[in-house]
mmCIF file of all heavy atoms, coordinates in Angstrom:
data_MODEL
# 
_entry.id   MODEL 
# 
loop_
_atom_site.group_PDB 
_atom_site.id 
_atom_site.type_symbol 
_atom_site.label_atom_id 
_atom_site.label_alt_id 
_atom_site.label_comp_id 
_atom_site.label_asym_id 
_atom_site.label_entity_id 
_atom_site.label_seq_id 
_atom_site.pdbx_PDB_ins_code 
_atom_site.Cartn_x 
_atom_site.Cartn_y 
_atom_site.Cartn_z 
_atom_site.occupancy 
_atom_site.B_iso_or_equiv 
_atom_site.pdbx_formal_charge 
_atom_site.auth_seq_id 
_atom_site.auth_comp_id 
_atom_site.auth_asym_id 
_atom_site.auth_atom_id 
_atom_site.pdbx_PDB_model_num 
ATOM 1   N N   . TYR A 1 1  ? -9.788  6.144   -16.227 1.00 0.00 ? 1  TYR A N   1 
ATOM 2   C CA  . TYR A 1 1  ? -8.664  6.785   -15.627 1.00 0.00 ? 1  TYR A CA  1 
ATOM 3   C C   . TYR A 1 1  ? -8.275  6.199   -14.213 1.00 0.00 ? 1  TYR A C   1 
ATOM 4   O O   . TYR A 1 1  ? -7.097  5.830   -13.993 1.00 0.00 ? 1  TYR A O   1 
ATOM 5   C CB  . TYR A 1 1  ? -8.965  8.323   -15.369 1.00 0.00 ? 1  TYR A CB  1 
ATOM 6   C CG  . TYR A 1 1  ? -7.779  9.115   -14.545 1.00 0.00 ? 1  TYR A CG  1 
ATOM 7   C CD1 . TYR A 1 1  ? -6.707  9.385   -15.189 1.00 0.00 ? 1  TYR A CD1 1 
ATOM 8   C CD2 . TYR A 1 1  ? -8.052  9.349   -13.192 1.00 0.00 ? 1  TYR A CD2 1 
ATOM 9   C CE1 . TYR A 1 1  ? -5.639  10.021  -14.516 1.00 0.00 ? 1  TYR A CE1 1 
ATOM 10  C CE2 . TYR A 1 1  ? -6.990  9.871   -12.469 1.00 0.00 ? 1  TYR A CE2 1 
ATOM 11  C CZ  . TYR A 1 1  ? -5.798  10.218  -13.163 1.00 0.00 ? 1  TYR A CZ  1 
ATOM 12  O OH  . TYR A 1 1  ? -4.800  10.799  -12.468 1.00 0.00 ? 1  TYR A OH  1 
ATOM 13  N N   . LEU A 1 2  ? -9.298  5.895   -13.384 1.00 0.00 ? 2  LEU A N   1 
ATOM 14  C CA  . LEU A 1 2  ? -9.073  5.230   -12.115 1.00 0.00 ? 2  LEU A CA  1 
ATOM 15  C C   . LEU A 1 2  ? -8.440  3.882   -12.319 1.00 0.00 ? 2  LEU A C   1 
ATOM 16  O O   . LEU A 1 2  ? -7.385  3.577   -11.623 1.00 0.00 ? 2  LEU A O   1 
ATOM 17  C CB  . LEU A 1 2  ? -10.453 5.047   -11.403 1.00 0.00 ? 2  LEU A CB  1 
ATOM 18  C CG  . LEU A 1 2  ? -10.390 4.382   -10.028 1.00 0.00 ? 2  LEU A CG  1 
ATOM 19  C CD1 . LEU A 1 2  ? -9.471  5.146   -9.034  1.00 0.00 ? 2  LEU A CD1 1 
ATOM 20  C CD2 . LEU A 1 2  ? -11.756 4.235   -9.435  1.00 0.00 ? 2  LEU A CD2 1 
ATOM 21  N N   . LEU A 1 3  ? -8.928  3.133   -13.191 1.00 0.00 ? 3  LEU A N   1 
ATOM 22  C CA  . LEU A 1 3  ? -8.373  1.753   -13.524 1.00 0.00 ? 3  LEU A CA  1 
ATOM 23  C C   . LEU A 1 3  ? -6.881  1.961   -13.976 1.00 0.00 ? 3  LEU A C   1 
ATOM 24  O O   . LEU A 1 3  ? -6.049  1.207   -13.544 1.00 0.00 ? 3  LEU A O   1 
ATOM 25  C CB  . LEU A 1 3  ? -9.168  0.940   -14.442 1.00 0.00 ? 3  LEU A CB  1 
ATOM 26  C CG  . LEU A 1 3  ? -10.559 0.469   -14.045 1.00 0.00 ? 3  LEU A CG  1 
ATOM 27  C CD1 . LEU A 1 3  ? -11.314 -0.180  -15.116 1.00 0.00 ? 3  LEU A CD1 1 
ATOM 28  C CD2 . LEU A 1 3  ? -10.431 -0.295  -12.779 1.00 0.00 ? 3  LEU A CD2 1 
ATOM 29  N N   . LYS A 1 4  ? -6.571  2.794   -14.830 1.00 0.00 ? 4  LYS A N   1 
ATOM 30  C CA  . LYS A 1 4  ? -5.221  3.059   -15.368 1.00 0.00 ? 4  LYS A CA  1 
ATOM 31  C C   . LYS A 1 4  ? -4.260  3.464   -14.220 1.00 0.00 ? 4  LYS A C   1 
ATOM 32  O O   . LYS A 1 4  ? -3.156  2.923   -14.158 1.00 0.00 ? 4  LYS A O   1 
ATOM 33  C CB  . LYS A 1 4  ? -5.179  3.980   -16.520 1.00 0.00 ? 4  LYS A CB  1 
ATOM 34  C CG  . LYS A 1 4  ? -5.823  3.452   -17.835 1.00 0.00 ? 4  LYS A CG  1 
ATOM 35  C CD  . LYS A 1 4  ? -5.633  4.516   -18.902 1.00 0.00 ? 4  LYS A CD  1 
ATOM 36  C CE  . LYS A 1 4  ? -6.159  3.767   -20.182 1.00 0.00 ? 4  LYS A CE  1 
ATOM 37  N NZ  . LYS A 1 4  ? -5.182  3.420   -21.222 1.00 0.00 ? 4  LYS A NZ  1 
ATOM 38  N N   . GLN A 1 5  ? -4.731  4.281   -13.352 1.00 0.00 ? 5  GLN A N   1 
ATOM 39  C CA  . GLN A 1 5  ? -3.983  4.728   -12.157 1.00 0.00 ? 5  GLN A CA  1 
ATOM 40  C C   . GLN A 1 5  ? -3.686  3.511   -11.281 1.00 0.00 ? 5  GLN A C   1 
ATOM 41  O O   . GLN A 1 5  ? -2.578  3.298   -10.743 1.00 0.00 ? 5  GLN A O   1 
ATOM 42  C CB  . GLN A 1 5  ? -4.594  5.835   -11.492 1.00 0.00 ? 5  GLN A CB  1 
ATOM 43  C CG  . GLN A 1 5  ? -4.723  7.134   -12.273 1.00 0.00 ? 5  GLN A CG  1 
ATOM 44  C CD  . GLN A 1 5  ? -3.289  7.516   -12.855 1.00 0.00 ? 5  GLN A CD  1 
ATOM 45  O OE1 . GLN A 1 5  ? -2.372  7.819   -12.157 1.00 0.00 ? 5  GLN A OE1 1 
ATOM 46  N NE2 . GLN A 1 5  ? -3.254  7.509   -14.067 1.00 0.00 ? 5  GLN A NE2 1 
ATOM 47  N N   . ARG A 1 6  ? -4.680  2.714   -11.061 1.00 0.00 ? 6  ARG A N   1 
ATOM 48  C CA  . ARG A 1 6  ? -4.494  1.547   -10.161 1.00 0.00 ? 6  ARG A CA  1 
ATOM 49  C C   . ARG A 1 6  ? -3.518  0.559   -10.850 1.00 0.00 ? 6  ARG A C   1 
ATOM 50  O O   . ARG A 1 6  ? -2.711  0.054   -10.029 1.00 0.00 ? 6  ARG A O   1 
ATOM 51  C CB  . ARG A 1 6  ? -5.864  0.949   -9.946  1.00 0.00 ? 6  ARG A CB  1 
ATOM 52  C CG  . ARG A 1 6  ? -6.671  1.750   -8.975  1.00 0.00 ? 6  ARG A CG  1 
ATOM 53  C CD  . ARG A 1 6  ? -7.992  0.976   -8.584  1.00 0.00 ? 6  ARG A CD  1 
ATOM 54  N NE  . ARG A 1 6  ? -8.515  1.710   -7.520  1.00 0.00 ? 6  ARG A NE  1 
ATOM 55  C CZ  . ARG A 1 6  ? -9.764  1.543   -7.138  1.00 0.00 ? 6  ARG A CZ  1 
ATOM 56  N NH1 . ARG A 1 6  ? -10.650 0.861   -7.875  1.00 0.00 ? 6  ARG A NH1 1 
ATOM 57  N NH2 . ARG A 1 6  ? -10.259 2.294   -6.117  1.00 0.00 ? 6  ARG A NH2 1 
ATOM 58  N N   . VAL A 1 7  ? -3.532  0.289   -12.097 1.00 0.00 ? 7  VAL A N   1 
ATOM 59  C CA  . VAL A 1 7  ? -2.684  -0.570  -12.738 1.00 0.00 ? 7  VAL A CA  1 
ATOM 60  C C   . VAL A 1 7  ? -1.349  0.028   -12.762 1.00 0.00 ? 7  VAL A C   1 
ATOM 61  O O   . VAL A 1 7  ? -0.331  -0.690  -12.558 1.00 0.00 ? 7  VAL A O   1 
ATOM 62  C CB  . VAL A 1 7  ? -3.191  -0.864  -14.197 1.00 0.00 ? 7  VAL A CB  1 
ATOM 63  C CG1 . VAL A 1 7  ? -2.118  -1.618  -15.097 1.00 0.00 ? 7  VAL A CG1 1 
ATOM 64  C CG2 . VAL A 1 7  ? -4.459  -1.731  -14.109 1.00 0.00 ? 7  VAL A CG2 1 
ATOM 65  N N   . SER A 1 8  ? -1.101  1.298   -12.874 1.00 0.00 ? 8  SER A N   1 
ATOM 66  C CA  . SER A 1 8  ? 0.210   1.929   -12.870 1.00 0.00 ? 8  SER A CA  1 
ATOM 67  C C   . SER A 1 8  ? 0.802   1.678   -11.537 1.00 0.00 ? 8  SER A C   1 
ATOM 68  O O   . SER A 1 8  ? 2.024   1.399   -11.447 1.00 0.00 ? 8  SER A O   1 
ATOM 69  C CB  . SER A 1 8  ? 0.017   3.375   -13.338 1.00 0.00 ? 8  SER A CB  1 
ATOM 70  O OG  . SER A 1 8  ? 1.294   4.045   -13.284 1.00 0.00 ? 8  SER A OG  1 
ATOM 71  N N   . ALA A 1 9  ? 0.146   1.893   -10.441 1.00 0.00 ? 9  ALA A N   1 
ATOM 72  C CA  . ALA A 1 9  ? 0.531   1.738   -9.085  1.00 0.00 ? 9  ALA A CA  1 
ATOM 73  C C   . ALA A 1 9  ? 0.918   0.301   -8.932  1.00 0.00 ? 9  ALA A C   1 
ATOM 74  O O   . ALA A 1 9  ? 1.956   0.082   -8.332  1.00 0.00 ? 9  ALA A O   1 
ATOM 75  C CB  . ALA A 1 9  ? -0.480  2.251   -8.167  1.00 0.00 ? 9  ALA A CB  1 
ATOM 76  N N   . ALA A 1 10 ? 0.133   -0.588  -9.438  1.00 0.00 ? 10 ALA A N   1 
ATOM 77  C CA  . ALA A 1 10 ? 0.368   -2.025  -9.293  1.00 0.00 ? 10 ALA A CA  1 
ATOM 78  C C   . ALA A 1 10 ? 1.654   -2.342  -10.035 1.00 0.00 ? 10 ALA A C   1 
ATOM 79  O O   . ALA A 1 10 ? 2.585   -3.109  -9.541  1.00 0.00 ? 10 ALA A O   1 
ATOM 80  C CB  . ALA A 1 10 ? -0.691  -2.866  -9.850  1.00 0.00 ? 10 ALA A CB  1 
ATOM 81  N N   . GLN A 1 11 ? 1.934   -1.780  -11.187 1.00 0.00 ? 11 GLN A N   1 
ATOM 82  C CA  . GLN A 1 11 ? 3.174   -2.099  -11.930 1.00 0.00 ? 11 GLN A CA  1 
ATOM 83  C C   . GLN A 1 11 ? 4.344   -1.626  -11.132 1.00 0.00 ? 11 GLN A C   1 
ATOM 84  O O   . GLN A 1 11 ? 5.372   -2.288  -11.150 1.00 0.00 ? 11 GLN A O   1 
ATOM 85  C CB  . GLN A 1 11 ? 3.189   -1.315  -13.243 1.00 0.00 ? 11 GLN A CB  1 
ATOM 86  C CG  . GLN A 1 11 ? 2.282   -1.975  -14.286 1.00 0.00 ? 11 GLN A CG  1 
ATOM 87  C CD  . GLN A 1 11 ? 2.218   -1.230  -15.548 1.00 0.00 ? 11 GLN A CD  1 
ATOM 88  O OE1 . GLN A 1 11 ? 1.866   0.008   -15.598 1.00 0.00 ? 11 GLN A OE1 1 
ATOM 89  N NE2 . GLN A 1 11 ? 2.683   -1.911  -16.640 1.00 0.00 ? 11 GLN A NE2 1 
ATOM 90  N N   . ASP A 1 12 ? 4.323   -0.516  -10.457 1.00 0.00 ? 12 ASP A N   1 
ATOM 91  C CA  . ASP A 1 12 ? 5.345   0.029   -9.624  1.00 0.00 ? 12 ASP A CA  1 
ATOM 92  C C   . ASP A 1 12 ? 5.664   -1.082  -8.524  1.00 0.00 ? 12 ASP A C   1 
ATOM 93  O O   . ASP A 1 12 ? 6.850   -1.314  -8.290  1.00 0.00 ? 12 ASP A O   1 
ATOM 94  C CB  . ASP A 1 12 ? 5.058   1.357   -8.933  1.00 0.00 ? 12 ASP A CB  1 
ATOM 95  C CG  . ASP A 1 12 ? 5.197   2.474   -10.057 1.00 0.00 ? 12 ASP A CG  1 
ATOM 96  O OD1 . ASP A 1 12 ? 5.743   2.199   -11.236 1.00 0.00 ? 12 ASP A OD1 1 
ATOM 97  O OD2 . ASP A 1 12 ? 4.536   3.545   -9.783  1.00 0.00 ? 12 ASP A OD2 1 
ATOM 98  N N   . MET A 1 13 ? 4.561   -1.434  -7.865  1.00 0.00 ? 13 MET A N   1 
ATOM 99  C CA  . MET A 1 13 ? 4.711   -2.427  -6.866  1.00 0.00 ? 13 MET A CA  1 
ATOM 100 C C   . MET A 1 13 ? 5.236   -3.750  -7.251  1.00 0.00 ? 13 MET A C   1 
ATOM 101 O O   . MET A 1 13 ? 6.115   -4.472  -6.583  1.00 0.00 ? 13 MET A O   1 
ATOM 102 C CB  . MET A 1 13 ? 3.452   -2.665  -6.045  1.00 0.00 ? 13 MET A CB  1 
ATOM 103 C CG  . MET A 1 13 ? 2.935   -1.358  -5.393  1.00 0.00 ? 13 MET A CG  1 
ATOM 104 S SD  . MET A 1 13 ? 1.317   -1.514  -4.609  1.00 0.00 ? 13 MET A SD  1 
ATOM 105 C CE  . MET A 1 13 ? 1.809   -2.474  -3.086  1.00 0.00 ? 13 MET A CE  1 
ATOM 106 N N   . LEU A 1 14 ? 4.751   -4.272  -8.442  1.00 0.00 ? 14 LEU A N   1 
ATOM 107 C CA  . LEU A 1 14 ? 5.267   -5.515  -9.062  1.00 0.00 ? 14 LEU A CA  1 
ATOM 108 C C   . LEU A 1 14 ? 6.730   -5.332  -9.314  1.00 0.00 ? 14 LEU A C   1 
ATOM 109 O O   . LEU A 1 14 ? 7.496   -6.405  -9.213  1.00 0.00 ? 14 LEU A O   1 
ATOM 110 C CB  . LEU A 1 14 ? 4.456   -5.916  -10.258 1.00 0.00 ? 14 LEU A CB  1 
ATOM 111 C CG  . LEU A 1 14 ? 3.056   -6.385  -10.122 1.00 0.00 ? 14 LEU A CG  1 
ATOM 112 C CD1 . LEU A 1 14 ? 2.297   -6.282  -11.388 1.00 0.00 ? 14 LEU A CD1 1 
ATOM 113 C CD2 . LEU A 1 14 ? 3.053   -7.719  -9.539  1.00 0.00 ? 14 LEU A CD2 1 
ATOM 114 N N   . ARG A 1 15 ? 7.178   -4.352  -9.730  1.00 0.00 ? 15 ARG A N   1 
ATOM 115 C CA  . ARG A 1 15 ? 8.498   -4.048  -10.122 1.00 0.00 ? 15 ARG A CA  1 
ATOM 116 C C   . ARG A 1 15 ? 9.451   -3.922  -8.912  1.00 0.00 ? 15 ARG A C   1 
ATOM 117 O O   . ARG A 1 15 ? 10.582  -4.342  -8.964  1.00 0.00 ? 15 ARG A O   1 
ATOM 118 C CB  . ARG A 1 15 ? 8.678   -2.771  -11.021 1.00 0.00 ? 15 ARG A CB  1 
ATOM 119 C CG  . ARG A 1 15 ? 10.010  -2.546  -11.545 1.00 0.00 ? 15 ARG A CG  1 
ATOM 120 C CD  . ARG A 1 15 ? 10.162  -1.172  -12.293 1.00 0.00 ? 15 ARG A CD  1 
ATOM 121 N NE  . ARG A 1 15 ? 9.172   -1.073  -13.289 1.00 0.00 ? 15 ARG A NE  1 
ATOM 122 C CZ  . ARG A 1 15 ? 8.153   -0.085  -13.243 1.00 0.00 ? 15 ARG A CZ  1 
ATOM 123 N NH1 . ARG A 1 15 ? 8.127   0.685   -12.168 1.00 0.00 ? 15 ARG A NH1 1 
ATOM 124 N NH2 . ARG A 1 15 ? 7.280   0.052   -14.275 1.00 0.00 ? 15 ARG A NH2 1 
ATOM 125 N N   . THR A 1 16 ? 9.051   -3.390  -7.796  1.00 0.00 ? 16 THR A N   1 
ATOM 126 C CA  . THR A 1 16 ? 9.960   -3.005  -6.727  1.00 0.00 ? 16 THR A CA  1 
ATOM 127 C C   . THR A 1 16 ? 9.696   -3.681  -5.453  1.00 0.00 ? 16 THR A C   1 
ATOM 128 O O   . THR A 1 16 ? 10.401  -3.504  -4.503  1.00 0.00 ? 16 THR A O   1 
ATOM 129 C CB  . THR A 1 16 ? 9.797   -1.490  -6.430  1.00 0.00 ? 16 THR A CB  1 
ATOM 130 O OG1 . THR A 1 16 ? 8.440   -1.243  -6.004  1.00 0.00 ? 16 THR A OG1 1 
ATOM 131 C CG2 . THR A 1 16 ? 10.110  -0.722  -7.657  1.00 0.00 ? 16 THR A CG2 1 
ATOM 132 N N   . THR A 1 17 ? 8.650   -4.503  -5.288  1.00 0.00 ? 17 THR A N   1 
ATOM 133 C CA  . THR A 1 17 ? 8.376   -5.370  -4.130  1.00 0.00 ? 17 THR A CA  1 
ATOM 134 C C   . THR A 1 17 ? 8.323   -6.861  -4.419  1.00 0.00 ? 17 THR A C   1 
ATOM 135 O O   . THR A 1 17 ? 8.099   -7.267  -5.451  1.00 0.00 ? 17 THR A O   1 
ATOM 136 C CB  . THR A 1 17 ? 7.122   -4.845  -3.384  1.00 0.00 ? 17 THR A CB  1 
ATOM 137 O OG1 . THR A 1 17 ? 6.028   -5.266  -4.139  1.00 0.00 ? 17 THR A OG1 1 
ATOM 138 C CG2 . THR A 1 17 ? 7.102   -3.312  -3.291  1.00 0.00 ? 17 THR A CG2 1 
ATOM 139 N N   . ASP A 1 18 ? 8.307   -7.559  -3.327  1.00 0.00 ? 18 ASP A N   1 
ATOM 140 C CA  . ASP A 1 18 ? 8.083   -8.963  -3.363  1.00 0.00 ? 18 ASP A CA  1 
ATOM 141 C C   . ASP A 1 18 ? 6.680   -9.348  -2.978  1.00 0.00 ? 18 ASP A C   1 
ATOM 142 O O   . ASP A 1 18 ? 6.238   -10.509 -2.730  1.00 0.00 ? 18 ASP A O   1 
ATOM 143 C CB  . ASP A 1 18 ? 9.043   -9.712  -2.407  1.00 0.00 ? 18 ASP A CB  1 
ATOM 144 C CG  . ASP A 1 18 ? 10.569  -9.578  -2.973  1.00 0.00 ? 18 ASP A CG  1 
ATOM 145 O OD1 . ASP A 1 18 ? 10.681  -9.399  -4.138  1.00 0.00 ? 18 ASP A OD1 1 
ATOM 146 O OD2 . ASP A 1 18 ? 11.419  -9.848  -2.120  1.00 0.00 ? 18 ASP A OD2 1 
ATOM 147 N N   . LYS A 1 19 ? 5.818   -8.445  -2.769  1.00 0.00 ? 19 LYS A N   1 
ATOM 148 C CA  . LYS A 1 19 ? 4.475   -8.652  -2.319  1.00 0.00 ? 19 LYS A CA  1 
ATOM 149 C C   . LYS A 1 19 ? 3.771   -9.646  -3.362  1.00 0.00 ? 19 LYS A C   1 
ATOM 150 O O   . LYS A 1 19 ? 3.968   -9.586  -4.509  1.00 0.00 ? 19 LYS A O   1 
ATOM 151 C CB  . LYS A 1 19 ? 3.631   -7.416  -2.245  1.00 0.00 ? 19 LYS A CB  1 
ATOM 152 C CG  . LYS A 1 19 ? 3.866   -6.503  -1.054  1.00 0.00 ? 19 LYS A CG  1 
ATOM 153 C CD  . LYS A 1 19 ? 2.954   -5.362  -1.125  1.00 0.00 ? 19 LYS A CD  1 
ATOM 154 C CE  . LYS A 1 19 ? 2.994   -4.548  0.135   1.00 0.00 ? 19 LYS A CE  1 
ATOM 155 N NZ  . LYS A 1 19 ? 2.005   -3.544  0.167   1.00 0.00 ? 19 LYS A NZ  1 
ATOM 156 N N   . SER A 1 20 ? 2.823   -10.411 -2.862  1.00 0.00 ? 20 SER A N   1 
ATOM 157 C CA  . SER A 1 20 ? 2.044   -11.331 -3.727  1.00 0.00 ? 20 SER A CA  1 
ATOM 158 C C   . SER A 1 20 ? 1.100   -10.480 -4.499  1.00 0.00 ? 20 SER A C   1 
ATOM 159 O O   . SER A 1 20 ? 0.710   -9.382  -4.232  1.00 0.00 ? 20 SER A O   1 
ATOM 160 C CB  . SER A 1 20 ? 1.195   -12.314 -2.801  1.00 0.00 ? 20 SER A CB  1 
ATOM 161 O OG  . SER A 1 20 ? 0.159   -11.683 -2.130  1.00 0.00 ? 20 SER A OG  1 
ATOM 162 N N   . ILE A 1 21 ? 0.765   -11.099 -5.668  1.00 0.00 ? 21 ILE A N   1 
ATOM 163 C CA  . ILE A 1 21 ? -0.229  -10.358 -6.566  1.00 0.00 ? 21 ILE A CA  1 
ATOM 164 C C   . ILE A 1 21 ? -1.467  -10.132 -5.871  1.00 0.00 ? 21 ILE A C   1 
ATOM 165 O O   . ILE A 1 21 ? -2.014  -9.019  -6.147  1.00 0.00 ? 21 ILE A O   1 
ATOM 166 C CB  . ILE A 1 21 ? -0.321  -11.320 -7.913  1.00 0.00 ? 21 ILE A CB  1 
ATOM 167 C CG1 . ILE A 1 21 ? 1.017   -11.223 -8.654  1.00 0.00 ? 21 ILE A CG1 1 
ATOM 168 C CG2 . ILE A 1 21 ? -1.555  -10.628 -8.743  1.00 0.00 ? 21 ILE A CG2 1 
ATOM 169 C CD1 . ILE A 1 21 ? 1.079   -12.112 -9.855  1.00 0.00 ? 21 ILE A CD1 1 
ATOM 170 N N   . VAL A 1 22 ? -2.000  -10.996 -5.124  1.00 0.00 ? 22 VAL A N   1 
ATOM 171 C CA  . VAL A 1 22 ? -3.189  -10.691 -4.358  1.00 0.00 ? 22 VAL A CA  1 
ATOM 172 C C   . VAL A 1 22 ? -3.007  -9.494  -3.358  1.00 0.00 ? 22 VAL A C   1 
ATOM 173 O O   . VAL A 1 22 ? -3.955  -8.637  -3.319  1.00 0.00 ? 22 VAL A O   1 
ATOM 174 C CB  . VAL A 1 22 ? -3.746  -11.933 -3.660  1.00 0.00 ? 22 VAL A CB  1 
ATOM 175 C CG1 . VAL A 1 22 ? -2.977  -12.405 -2.455  1.00 0.00 ? 22 VAL A CG1 1 
ATOM 176 C CG2 . VAL A 1 22 ? -5.282  -11.705 -3.320  1.00 0.00 ? 22 VAL A CG2 1 
ATOM 177 N N   . ASP A 1 23 ? -1.945  -9.474  -2.740  1.00 0.00 ? 23 ASP A N   1 
ATOM 178 C CA  . ASP A 1 23 ? -1.714  -8.259  -1.823  1.00 0.00 ? 23 ASP A CA  1 
ATOM 179 C C   . ASP A 1 23 ? -1.604  -6.974  -2.610  1.00 0.00 ? 23 ASP A C   1 
ATOM 180 O O   . ASP A 1 23 ? -2.083  -5.932  -2.215  1.00 0.00 ? 23 ASP A O   1 
ATOM 181 C CB  . ASP A 1 23 ? -0.482  -8.480  -0.966  1.00 0.00 ? 23 ASP A CB  1 
ATOM 182 C CG  . ASP A 1 23 ? -0.651  -9.536  0.043   1.00 0.00 ? 23 ASP A CG  1 
ATOM 183 O OD1 . ASP A 1 23 ? -1.761  -9.868  0.465   1.00 0.00 ? 23 ASP A OD1 1 
ATOM 184 O OD2 . ASP A 1 23 ? 0.390   -10.055 0.543   1.00 0.00 ? 23 ASP A OD2 1 
ATOM 185 N N   . ILE A 1 24 ? -1.024  -6.982  -3.698  1.00 0.00 ? 24 ILE A N   1 
ATOM 186 C CA  . ILE A 1 24 ? -0.850  -5.927  -4.564  1.00 0.00 ? 24 ILE A CA  1 
ATOM 187 C C   . ILE A 1 24 ? -2.223  -5.482  -5.116  1.00 0.00 ? 24 ILE A C   1 
ATOM 188 O O   . ILE A 1 24 ? -2.601  -4.245  -5.109  1.00 0.00 ? 24 ILE A O   1 
ATOM 189 C CB  . ILE A 1 24 ? 0.134   -6.061  -5.750  1.00 0.00 ? 24 ILE A CB  1 
ATOM 190 C CG1 . ILE A 1 24 ? 1.604   -6.047  -5.183  1.00 0.00 ? 24 ILE A CG1 1 
ATOM 191 C CG2 . ILE A 1 24 ? 0.016   -4.955  -6.786  1.00 0.00 ? 24 ILE A CG2 1 
ATOM 192 C CD1 . ILE A 1 24 ? 2.540   -6.558  -6.266  1.00 0.00 ? 24 ILE A CD1 1 
ATOM 193 N N   . ALA A 1 25 ? -3.009  -6.414  -5.544  1.00 0.00 ? 25 ALA A N   1 
ATOM 194 C CA  . ALA A 1 25 ? -4.380  -6.179  -6.080  1.00 0.00 ? 25 ALA A CA  1 
ATOM 195 C C   . ALA A 1 25 ? -5.222  -5.391  -4.998  1.00 0.00 ? 25 ALA A C   1 
ATOM 196 O O   . ALA A 1 25 ? -5.891  -4.409  -5.159  1.00 0.00 ? 25 ALA A O   1 
ATOM 197 C CB  . ALA A 1 25 ? -5.085  -7.400  -6.500  1.00 0.00 ? 25 ALA A CB  1 
ATOM 198 N N   . LEU A 1 26 ? -5.159  -5.908  -3.773  1.00 0.00 ? 26 LEU A N   1 
ATOM 199 C CA  . LEU A 1 26 ? -5.915  -5.326  -2.705  1.00 0.00 ? 26 LEU A CA  1 
ATOM 200 C C   . LEU A 1 26 ? -5.329  -3.983  -2.382  1.00 0.00 ? 26 LEU A C   1 
ATOM 201 O O   . LEU A 1 26 ? -6.185  -3.066  -2.051  1.00 0.00 ? 26 LEU A O   1 
ATOM 202 C CB  . LEU A 1 26 ? -5.863  -6.202  -1.458  1.00 0.00 ? 26 LEU A CB  1 
ATOM 203 C CG  . LEU A 1 26 ? -6.602  -7.599  -1.639  1.00 0.00 ? 26 LEU A CG  1 
ATOM 204 C CD1 . LEU A 1 26 ? -6.452  -8.443  -0.419  1.00 0.00 ? 26 LEU A CD1 1 
ATOM 205 C CD2 . LEU A 1 26 ? -8.059  -7.446  -1.966  1.00 0.00 ? 26 LEU A CD2 1 
ATOM 206 N N   . SER A 1 27 ? -4.140  -3.812  -2.419  1.00 0.00 ? 27 SER A N   1 
ATOM 207 C CA  . SER A 1 27 ? -3.489  -2.508  -1.948  1.00 0.00 ? 27 SER A CA  1 
ATOM 208 C C   . SER A 1 27 ? -3.677  -1.393  -2.964  1.00 0.00 ? 27 SER A C   1 
ATOM 209 O O   . SER A 1 27 ? -3.537  -0.211  -2.609  1.00 0.00 ? 27 SER A O   1 
ATOM 210 C CB  . SER A 1 27 ? -1.992  -2.677  -1.629  1.00 0.00 ? 27 SER A CB  1 
ATOM 211 O OG  . SER A 1 27 ? -1.332  -2.940  -2.806  1.00 0.00 ? 27 SER A OG  1 
ATOM 212 N N   . VAL A 1 28 ? -4.111  -1.796  -4.147  1.00 0.00 ? 28 VAL A N   1 
ATOM 213 C CA  . VAL A 1 28 ? -4.391  -0.656  -5.202  1.00 0.00 ? 28 VAL A CA  1 
ATOM 214 C C   . VAL A 1 28 ? -5.838  -0.571  -5.454  1.00 0.00 ? 28 VAL A C   1 
ATOM 215 O O   . VAL A 1 28 ? -6.311  0.034   -6.448  1.00 0.00 ? 28 VAL A O   1 
ATOM 216 C CB  . VAL A 1 28 ? -3.552  -0.867  -6.458  1.00 0.00 ? 28 VAL A CB  1 
ATOM 217 C CG1 . VAL A 1 28 ? -2.083  -0.663  -6.229  1.00 0.00 ? 28 VAL A CG1 1 
ATOM 218 C CG2 . VAL A 1 28 ? -3.826  -2.081  -7.264  1.00 0.00 ? 28 VAL A CG2 1 
ATOM 219 N N   . GLY A 1 29 ? -6.696  -1.210  -4.607  1.00 0.00 ? 29 GLY A N   1 
ATOM 220 C CA  . GLY A 1 29 ? -8.106  -0.917  -4.690  1.00 0.00 ? 29 GLY A CA  1 
ATOM 221 C C   . GLY A 1 29 ? -9.032  -1.966  -5.406  1.00 0.00 ? 29 GLY A C   1 
ATOM 222 O O   . GLY A 1 29 ? -10.171 -1.722  -5.493  1.00 0.00 ? 29 GLY A O   1 
ATOM 223 N N   . PHE A 1 30 ? -8.442  -3.044  -5.855  1.00 0.00 ? 30 PHE A N   1 
ATOM 224 C CA  . PHE A 1 30 ? -9.217  -4.152  -6.447  1.00 0.00 ? 30 PHE A CA  1 
ATOM 225 C C   . PHE A 1 30 ? -9.725  -4.962  -5.386  1.00 0.00 ? 30 PHE A C   1 
ATOM 226 O O   . PHE A 1 30 ? -8.994  -5.297  -4.408  1.00 0.00 ? 30 PHE A O   1 
ATOM 227 C CB  . PHE A 1 30 ? -8.423  -4.896  -7.447  1.00 0.00 ? 30 PHE A CB  1 
ATOM 228 C CG  . PHE A 1 30 ? -8.182  -4.099  -8.750  1.00 0.00 ? 30 PHE A CG  1 
ATOM 229 C CD1 . PHE A 1 30 ? -6.971  -3.407  -8.816  1.00 0.00 ? 30 PHE A CD1 1 
ATOM 230 C CD2 . PHE A 1 30 ? -9.050  -4.062  -9.700  1.00 0.00 ? 30 PHE A CD2 1 
ATOM 231 C CE1 . PHE A 1 30 ? -6.668  -2.709  -10.025 1.00 0.00 ? 30 PHE A CE1 1 
ATOM 232 C CE2 . PHE A 1 30 ? -8.701  -3.322  -10.907 1.00 0.00 ? 30 PHE A CE2 1 
ATOM 233 C CZ  . PHE A 1 30 ? -7.584  -2.638  -11.065 1.00 0.00 ? 30 PHE A CZ  1 
ATOM 234 N N   . SER A 1 31 ? -11.015 -5.465  -5.467  1.00 0.00 ? 31 SER A N   1 
ATOM 235 C CA  . SER A 1 31 ? -11.581 -6.256  -4.410  1.00 0.00 ? 31 SER A CA  1 
ATOM 236 C C   . SER A 1 31 ? -11.113 -7.739  -4.635  1.00 0.00 ? 31 SER A C   1 
ATOM 237 O O   . SER A 1 31 ? -11.196 -8.506  -3.646  1.00 0.00 ? 31 SER A O   1 
ATOM 238 C CB  . SER A 1 31 ? -13.018 -6.182  -4.432  1.00 0.00 ? 31 SER A CB  1 
ATOM 239 O OG  . SER A 1 31 ? -13.669 -6.532  -5.703  1.00 0.00 ? 31 SER A OG  1 
# 
């Protein structure tokens, strides 16, 4: 569940921001 929520939040950020993938990964809790 936690991983799915993190991926879902990342999808929203990938869709709506210009942030780099590494910044998105870190902002949704991936190390």
